Amino acid sequence: MTLSTTRILVLAAGLAAVLSFSGCATVEPWQRGRLAHRAMTFDADPGMVSYMTHWQEAREGSSGGFGVQSGGCGCK
């Protein structure tokens, strides 16, 4: 390998390492309150989302798969 090829490989490996470690973060217990705030949800109308989720669960005869980890037995 030439010097430029080696340099490119080292830079690519360094960039991959930096990008893989940049997503790691430790959230302290006192910081979780801000992350769990209602403003942090993606939906504009949580009441409508709750209603539509209930309607879909009743129609399909199953629950789960939407923010809640549970089985398909209908129990939460």
PDB file of N, CA and C in Angstrom:
ATOM      1  N   MET A   1       0.837  -1.185   0.000  1.00  0.00           N
ATOM      2  CA  MET A   1       0.000   0.000   0.000  1.00  0.00           C
ATOM      3  C   MET A   1       0.879   1.245   0.000  1.00  0.00           C
ATOM      4  N   THR A   2       0.349   2.227  -0.619  1.00  0.00           N
ATOM      5  CA  THR A   2       1.083   3.485  -0.653  1.00  0.00           C
ATOM      6  C   THR A   2       0.753   4.301   0.591  1.00  0.00           C
ATOM      7  N   LEU A   3       1.481   5.368   0.769  1.00  0.00           N
ATOM      8  CA  LEU A   3       1.292   6.228   1.933  1.00  0.00           C
ATOM      9  C   LEU A   3      -0.074   6.899   1.909  1.00  0.00           C
ATOM     10  N   SER A   4      -0.546   7.314   0.744  1.00  0.00           N
ATOM     11  CA  SER A   4      -1.840   7.986   0.661  1.00  0.00           C
ATOM     12  C   SER A   4      -2.985   7.012   0.943  1.00  0.00           C
ATOM     13  N   THR A   5      -2.871   5.776   0.507  1.00  0.00           N
ATOM     14  CA  THR A   5      -3.903   4.777   0.780  1.00  0.00           C
ATOM     15  C   THR A   5      -3.955   4.469   2.269  1.00  0.00           C
ATOM     16  N   THR A   6      -2.811   4.347   2.898  1.00  0.00           N
ATOM     17  CA  THR A   6      -2.750   4.089   4.331  1.00  0.00           C
ATOM     18  C   THR A   6      -3.331   5.264   5.108  1.00  0.00           C
ATOM     19  N   ARG A   7      -3.001   6.461   4.672  1.00  0.00           N
ATOM     20  CA  ARG A   7      -3.515   7.658   5.340  1.00  0.00           C
ATOM     21  C   ARG A   7      -5.046   7.725   5.228  1.00  0.00           C
ATOM     22  N   ILE A   8      -5.593   7.392   4.070  1.00  0.00           N
ATOM     23  CA  ILE A   8      -7.041   7.394   3.875  1.00  0.00           C
ATOM     24  C   ILE A   8      -7.708   6.356   4.768  1.00  0.00           C
ATOM     25  N   LEU A   9      -7.120   5.168   4.856  1.00  0.00           N
ATOM     26  CA  LEU A   9      -7.685   4.121   5.714  1.00  0.00           C
ATOM     27  C   LEU A   9      -7.661   4.514   7.184  1.00  0.00           C
ATOM     28  N   VAL A  10      -6.578   5.139   7.616  1.00  0.00           N
ATOM     29  CA  VAL A  10      -6.485   5.575   9.016  1.00  0.00           C
ATOM     30  C   VAL A  10      -7.494   6.677   9.296  1.00  0.00           C
ATOM     31  N   LEU A  11      -7.644   7.618   8.386  1.00  0.00           N
ATOM     32  CA  LEU A  11      -8.630   8.684   8.565  1.00  0.00           C
ATOM     33  C   LEU A  11     -10.056   8.131   8.566  1.00  0.00           C
ATOM     34  N   ALA A  12     -10.338   7.167   7.698  1.00  0.00           N
ATOM     35  CA  ALA A  12     -11.672   6.566   7.663  1.00  0.00           C
ATOM     36  C   ALA A  12     -11.959   5.806   8.955  1.00  0.00           C
ATOM     37  N   ALA A  13     -10.973   5.086   9.468  1.00  0.00           N
ATOM     38  CA  ALA A  13     -11.164   4.362  10.721  1.00  0.00           C
ATOM     39  C   ALA A  13     -11.355   5.330  11.884  1.00  0.00           C
ATOM     40  N   GLY A  14     -10.593   6.409  11.894  1.00  0.00           N
ATOM     41  CA  GLY A  14     -10.763   7.415  12.945  1.00  0.00           C
ATOM     42  C   GLY A  14     -12.122   8.082  12.881  1.00  0.00           C
ATOM     43  N   LEU A  15     -12.576   8.405  11.684  1.00  0.00           N
ATOM     44  CA  LEU A  15     -13.892   9.017  11.516  1.00  0.00           C
ATOM     45  C   LEU A  15     -14.999   8.060  11.955  1.00  0.00           C
ATOM     46  N   ALA A  16     -14.868   6.790  11.613  1.00  0.00           N
ATOM     47  CA  ALA A  16     -15.863   5.799  12.035  1.00  0.00           C
ATOM     48  C   ALA A  16     -15.897   5.673  13.558  1.00  0.00           C
ATOM     49  N   ALA A  17     -14.734   5.708  14.196  1.00  0.00           N
ATOM     50  CA  ALA A  17     -14.685   5.619  15.658  1.00  0.00           C
ATOM     51  C   ALA A  17     -15.325   6.842  16.304  1.00  0.00           C
ATOM     52  N   VAL A  18     -15.046   8.014  15.770  1.00  0.00           N
ATOM     53  CA  VAL A  18     -15.618   9.238  16.335  1.00  0.00           C
ATOM     54  C   VAL A  18     -17.133   9.239  16.176  1.00  0.00           C
ATOM     55  N   LEU A  19     -17.616   8.842  15.020  1.00  0.00           N
ATOM     56  CA  LEU A  19     -19.058   8.830  14.784  1.00  0.00           C
ATOM     57  C   LEU A  19     -19.770   7.769  15.627  1.00  0.00           C
ATOM     58  N   SER A  20     -19.124   6.640  15.871  1.00  0.00           N
ATOM     59  CA  SER A  20     -19.782   5.599  16.662  1.00  0.00           C
ATOM     60  C   SER A  20     -19.847   5.962  18.146  1.00  0.00           C
ATOM     61  N   PHE A  21     -18.884   6.713  18.644  1.00  0.00           N
ATOM     62  CA  PHE A  21     -18.893   7.083  20.056  1.00  0.00           C
ATOM     63  C   PHE A  21     -19.651   8.372  20.335  1.00  0.00           C
ATOM     64  N   SER A  22     -19.998   9.120  19.309  1.00  0.00           N
ATOM     65  CA  SER A  22     -20.672  10.394  19.535  1.00  0.00           C
ATOM     66  C   SER A  22     -22.126  10.207  19.952  1.00  0.00           C
ATOM     67  N   GLY A  23     -22.731   9.066  19.682  1.00  0.00           N
ATOM     68  CA  GLY A  23     -24.130   8.837  20.043  1.00  0.00           C
ATOM     69  C   GLY A  23     -24.309   8.315  21.458  1.00  0.00           C
ATOM     70  N   CYS A  24     -23.250   8.000  22.154  1.00  0.00           N
ATOM     71  CA  CYS A  24     -23.346   7.469  23.506  1.00  0.00           C
ATOM     72  C   CYS A  24     -23.495   8.611  24.505  1.00  0.00           C
ATOM     73  N   ALA A  25     -24.472   8.473  25.378  1.00  0.00           N
ATOM     74  CA  ALA A  25     -24.676   9.486  26.401  1.00  0.00           C
ATOM     75  C   ALA A  25     -25.220   8.818  27.651  1.00  0.00           C
ATOM     76  N   THR A  26     -24.822   9.309  28.778  1.00  0.00           N
ATOM     77  CA  THR A  26     -25.340   8.824  30.048  1.00  0.00           C
ATOM     78  C   THR A  26     -26.351   9.834  30.560  1.00  0.00           C
ATOM     79  N   VAL A  27     -27.566   9.367  30.804  1.00  0.00           N
ATOM     80  CA  VAL A  27     -28.626  10.241  31.297  1.00  0.00           C
ATOM     81  C   VAL A  27     -28.790   9.971  32.784  1.00  0.00           C
ATOM     82  N   GLU A  28     -28.607  10.997  33.571  1.00  0.00           N
ATOM     83  CA  GLU A  28     -28.736  10.881  35.015  1.00  0.00           C
ATOM     84  C   GLU A  28     -30.217  10.872  35.411  1.00  0.00           C
ATOM     85  N   PRO A  29     -30.552  10.311  36.564  1.00  0.00           N
ATOM     86  CA  PRO A  29     -31.962  10.248  36.973  1.00  0.00           C
ATOM     87  C   PRO A  29     -32.645  11.602  37.045  1.00  0.00           C
ATOM     88  N   TRP A  30     -31.945  12.644  37.449  1.00  0.00           N
ATOM     89  CA  TRP A  30     -32.579  13.955  37.550  1.00  0.00           C
ATOM     90  C   TRP A  30     -32.758  14.610  36.177  1.00  0.00           C
ATOM     91  N   GLN A  31     -32.116  14.085  35.129  1.00  0.00           N
ATOM     92  CA  GLN A  31     -32.285  14.610  33.784  1.00  0.00           C
ATOM     93  C   GLN A  31     -33.441  13.945  33.039  1.00  0.00           C
ATOM     94  N   ARG A  32     -33.890  12.817  33.505  1.00  0.00           N
ATOM     95  CA  ARG A  32     -34.925  12.073  32.803  1.00  0.00           C
ATOM     96  C   ARG A  32     -36.270  12.775  32.834  1.00  0.00           C
ATOM     97  N   GLY A  33     -36.499  13.624  33.824  1.00  0.00           N
ATOM     98  CA  GLY A  33     -37.751  14.369  33.888  1.00  0.00           C
ATOM     99  C   GLY A  33     -37.937  15.287  32.699  1.00  0.00           C
ATOM    100  N   ARG A  34     -36.864  15.896  32.260  1.00  0.00           N
ATOM    101  CA  ARG A  34     -36.957  16.773  31.077  1.00  0.00           C
ATOM    102  C   ARG A  34     -37.188  15.966  29.817  1.00  0.00           C
ATOM    103  N   LEU A  35     -36.593  14.792  29.730  1.00  0.00           N
ATOM    104  CA  LEU A  35     -36.761  13.972  28.544  1.00  0.00           C
ATOM    105  C   LEU A  35     -38.145  13.344  28.474  1.00  0.00           C
ATOM    106  N   ALA A  36     -38.811  13.191  29.604  1.00  0.00           N
ATOM    107  CA  ALA A  36     -40.137  12.598  29.641  1.00  0.00           C
ATOM    108  C   ALA A  36     -41.242  13.641  29.589  1.00  0.00           C
ATOM    109  N   HIS A  37     -40.914  14.877  29.327  1.00  0.00           N
ATOM    110  CA  HIS A  37     -41.899  15.959  29.284  1.00  0.00           C
ATOM    111  C   HIS A  37     -42.829  15.773  28.089  1.00  0.00           C
ATOM    112  N   ARG A  38     -44.080  16.247  28.212  1.00  0.00           N
ATOM    113  CA  ARG A  38     -45.061  16.110  27.134  1.00  0.00           C
ATOM    114  C   ARG A  38     -44.627  16.779  25.845  1.00  0.00           C
ATOM    115  N   ALA A  39     -43.833  17.829  25.950  1.00  0.00           N
ATOM    116  CA  ALA A  39     -43.376  18.534  24.752  1.00  0.00           C
ATOM    117  C   ALA A  39     -42.405  17.704  23.925  1.00  0.00           C
ATOM    118  N   MET A  40     -41.874  16.632  24.494  1.00  0.00           N
ATOM    119  CA  MET A  40     -40.918  15.806  23.786  1.00  0.00           C
ATOM    120  C   MET A  40     -41.584  14.723  22.939  1.00  0.00           C
ATOM    121  N   THR A  41     -42.901  14.663  22.913  1.00  0.00           N
ATOM    122  CA  THR A  41     -43.587  13.666  22.099  1.00  0.00           C
ATOM    123  C   THR A  41     -43.663  14.124  20.657  1.00  0.00           C
ATOM    124  N   PHE A  42     -43.791  13.191  19.743  1.00  0.00           N
ATOM    125  CA  PHE A  42     -43.832  13.505  18.327  1.00  0.00           C
ATOM    126  C   PHE A  42     -45.235  13.881  17.861  1.00  0.00           C
ATOM    127  N   ASP A  43     -46.251  13.463  18.586  1.00  0.00           N
ATOM    128  CA  ASP A  43     -47.621  13.683  18.157  1.00  0.00           C
ATOM    129  C   ASP A  43     -48.167  14.975  18.754  1.00  0.00           C
ATOM    130  N   ALA A  44     -48.924  15.713  17.956  1.00  0.00           N
ATOM    131  CA  ALA A  44     -49.455  16.989  18.406  1.00  0.00           C
ATOM    132  C   ALA A  44     -50.629  16.812  19.354  1.00  0.00           C
ATOM    133  N   ASP A  45     -51.424  15.760  19.164  1.00  0.00           N
ATOM    134  CA  ASP A  45     -52.622  15.545  19.963  1.00  0.00           C
ATOM    135  C   ASP A  45     -52.553  14.164  20.627  1.00  0.00           C
ATOM    136  N   PRO A  46     -52.027  14.080  21.856  1.00  0.00           N
ATOM    137  CA  PRO A  46     -51.892  12.768  22.499  1.00  0.00           C
ATOM    138  C   PRO A  46     -53.226  12.115  22.796  1.00  0.00           C
ATOM    139  N   GLY A  47     -54.290  12.902  23.000  1.00  0.00           N
ATOM    140  CA  GLY A  47     -55.613  12.314  23.234  1.00  0.00           C
ATOM    141  C   GLY A  47     -56.101  11.548  22.025  1.00  0.00           C
ATOM    142  N   MET A  48     -55.896  12.108  20.836  1.00  0.00           N
ATOM    143  CA  MET A  48     -56.311  11.435  19.607  1.00  0.00           C
ATOM    144  C   MET A  48     -55.476  10.183  19.366  1.00  0.00           C
ATOM    145  N   VAL A  49     -54.188  10.244  19.665  1.00  0.00           N
ATOM    146  CA  VAL A  49     -53.330   9.070  19.507  1.00  0.00           C
ATOM    147  C   VAL A  49     -53.785   7.965  20.449  1.00  0.00           C
ATOM    148  N   SER A  50     -54.127   8.319  21.686  1.00  0.00           N
ATOM    149  CA  SER A  50     -54.612   7.322  22.642  1.00  0.00           C
ATOM    150  C   SER A  50     -55.914   6.699  22.164  1.00  0.00           C
ATOM    151  N   TYR A  51     -56.810   7.516  21.652  1.00  0.00           N
ATOM    152  CA  TYR A  51     -58.087   7.009  21.142  1.00  0.00           C
ATOM    153  C   TYR A  51     -57.867   6.081  19.950  1.00  0.00           C
ATOM    154  N   MET A  52     -57.022   6.488  19.010  1.00  0.00           N
ATOM    155  CA  MET A  52     -56.788   5.674  17.819  1.00  0.00           C
ATOM    156  C   MET A  52     -56.086   4.366  18.178  1.00  0.00           C
ATOM    157  N   THR A  53     -55.192   4.401  19.159  1.00  0.00           N
ATOM    158  CA  THR A  53     -54.534   3.178  19.606  1.00  0.00           C
ATOM    159  C   THR A  53     -55.552   2.233  20.234  1.00  0.00           C
ATOM    160  N   HIS A  54     -56.431   2.759  21.080  1.00  0.00           N
ATOM    161  CA  HIS A  54     -57.474   1.937  21.691  1.00  0.00           C
ATOM    162  C   HIS A  54     -58.398   1.357  20.625  1.00  0.00           C
ATOM    163  N   TRP A  55     -58.774   2.155  19.650  1.00  0.00           N
ATOM    164  CA  TRP A  55     -59.646   1.707  18.574  1.00  0.00           C
ATOM    165  C   TRP A  55     -58.993   0.597  17.764  1.00  0.00           C
ATOM    166  N   GLN A  56     -57.711   0.736  17.459  1.00  0.00           N
ATOM    167  CA  GLN A  56     -57.001  -0.274  16.687  1.00  0.00           C
ATOM    168  C   GLN A  56     -56.846  -1.568  17.484  1.00  0.00           C
ATOM    169  N   GLU A  57     -56.565  -1.457  18.785  1.00  0.00           N
ATOM    170  CA  GLU A  57     -56.445  -2.652  19.612  1.00  0.00           C
ATOM    171  C   GLU A  57     -57.775  -3.398  19.685  1.00  0.00           C
ATOM    172  N   ALA A  58     -58.872  -2.660  19.802  1.00  0.00           N
ATOM    173  CA  ALA A  58     -60.182  -3.306  19.865  1.00  0.00           C
ATOM    174  C   ALA A  58     -60.536  -3.948  18.535  1.00  0.00           C
ATOM    175  N   ARG A  59     -60.171  -3.331  17.446  1.00  0.00           N
ATOM    176  CA  ARG A  59     -60.495  -3.869  16.128  1.00  0.00           C
ATOM    177  C   ARG A  59     -59.676  -5.108  15.819  1.00  0.00           C
ATOM    178  N   GLU A  60     -58.372  -5.087  16.147  1.00  0.00           N
ATOM    179  CA  GLU A  60     -57.500  -6.203  15.825  1.00  0.00           C
ATOM    180  C   GLU A  60     -57.548  -7.311  16.870  1.00  0.00           C
ATOM    181  N   GLY A  61     -58.019  -7.004  18.055  1.00  0.00           N
ATOM    182  CA  GLY A  61     -58.035  -8.013  19.111  1.00  0.00           C
ATOM    183  C   GLY A  61     -56.673  -8.240  19.721  1.00  0.00           C
ATOM    184  N   SER A  62     -55.792  -7.282  19.602  1.00  0.00           N
ATOM    185  CA  SER A  62     -54.457  -7.409  20.174  1.00  0.00           C
ATOM    186  C   SER A  62     -54.032  -6.050  20.706  1.00  0.00           C
ATOM    187  N   SER A  63     -52.963  -6.047  21.460  1.00  0.00           N
ATOM    188  CA  SER A  63     -52.441  -4.787  21.962  1.00  0.00           C
ATOM    189  C   SER A  63     -50.929  -4.825  21.891  1.00  0.00           C
ATOM    190  N   GLY A  64     -50.345  -3.674  22.034  1.00  0.00           N
ATOM    191  CA  GLY A  64     -48.894  -3.587  22.023  1.00  0.00           C
ATOM    192  C   GLY A  64     -48.378  -3.136  20.677  1.00  0.00           C
ATOM    193  N   GLY A  65     -47.097  -2.939  20.617  1.00  0.00           N
ATOM    194  CA  GLY A  65     -46.466  -2.506  19.394  1.00  0.00           C
ATOM    195  C   GLY A  65     -46.509  -1.014  19.194  1.00  0.00           C
ATOM    196  N   PHE A  66     -47.088  -0.266  20.103  1.00  0.00           N
ATOM    197  CA  PHE A  66     -47.142   1.188  19.964  1.00  0.00           C
ATOM    198  C   PHE A  66     -46.741   1.811  21.291  1.00  0.00           C
ATOM    199  N   GLY A  67     -45.467   1.826  21.576  1.00  0.00           N
ATOM    200  CA  GLY A  67     -44.972   2.482  22.780  1.00  0.00           C
ATOM    201  C   GLY A  67     -45.093   1.662  24.049  1.00  0.00           C
ATOM    202  N   VAL A  68     -45.752   0.518  23.979  1.00  0.00           N
ATOM    203  CA  VAL A  68     -45.927  -0.322  25.162  1.00  0.00           C
ATOM    204  C   VAL A  68     -45.410  -1.714  24.827  1.00  0.00           C
ATOM    205  N   GLN A  69     -44.591  -2.256  25.676  1.00  0.00           N
ATOM    206  CA  GLN A  69     -44.114  -3.608  25.446  1.00  0.00           C
ATOM    207  C   GLN A  69     -45.025  -4.574  26.167  1.00  0.00           C
ATOM    208  N   SER A  70     -45.758  -5.347  25.399  1.00  0.00           N
ATOM    209  CA  SER A  70     -46.628  -6.355  25.974  1.00  0.00           C
ATOM    210  C   SER A  70     -46.881  -7.423  24.928  1.00  0.00           C
ATOM    211  N   GLY A  71     -47.566  -8.437  25.343  1.00  0.00           N
ATOM    212  CA  GLY A  71     -47.881  -9.513  24.426  1.00  0.00           C
ATOM    213  C   GLY A  71     -49.130  -9.208  23.629  1.00  0.00           C
ATOM    214  N   GLY A  72     -49.528 -10.120  22.784  1.00  0.00           N
ATOM    215  CA  GLY A  72     -50.711  -9.943  21.974  1.00  0.00           C
ATOM    216  C   GLY A  72     -51.965 -10.470  22.640  1.00  0.00           C
ATOM    217  N   CYS A  73     -51.909 -10.741  23.939  1.00  0.00           N
ATOM    218  CA  CYS A  73     -53.039 -11.350  24.633  1.00  0.00           C
ATOM    219  C   CYS A  73     -54.084 -10.325  25.072  1.00  0.00           C
ATOM    220  N   GLY A  74     -53.805  -9.042  24.916  1.00  0.00           N
ATOM    221  CA  GLY A  74     -54.738  -8.009  25.328  1.00  0.00           C
ATOM    222  C   GLY A  74     -54.457  -7.481  26.712  1.00  0.00           C
ATOM    223  N   CYS A  75     -53.490  -8.029  27.407  1.00  0.00           N
ATOM    224  CA  CYS A  75     -53.157  -7.549  28.750  1.00  0.00           C
ATOM    225  C   CYS A  75     -51.994  -6.576  28.656  1.00  0.00           C
ATOM    226  N   LYS A  76     -51.997  -5.608  29.541  1.00  0.00           N
ATOM    227  CA  LYS A  76     -50.911  -4.614  29.535  1.00  0.00           C
ATOM    228  C   LYS A  76     -50.176  -4.626  30.839  1.00  0.00           C
TER     229      LYS A  76
END
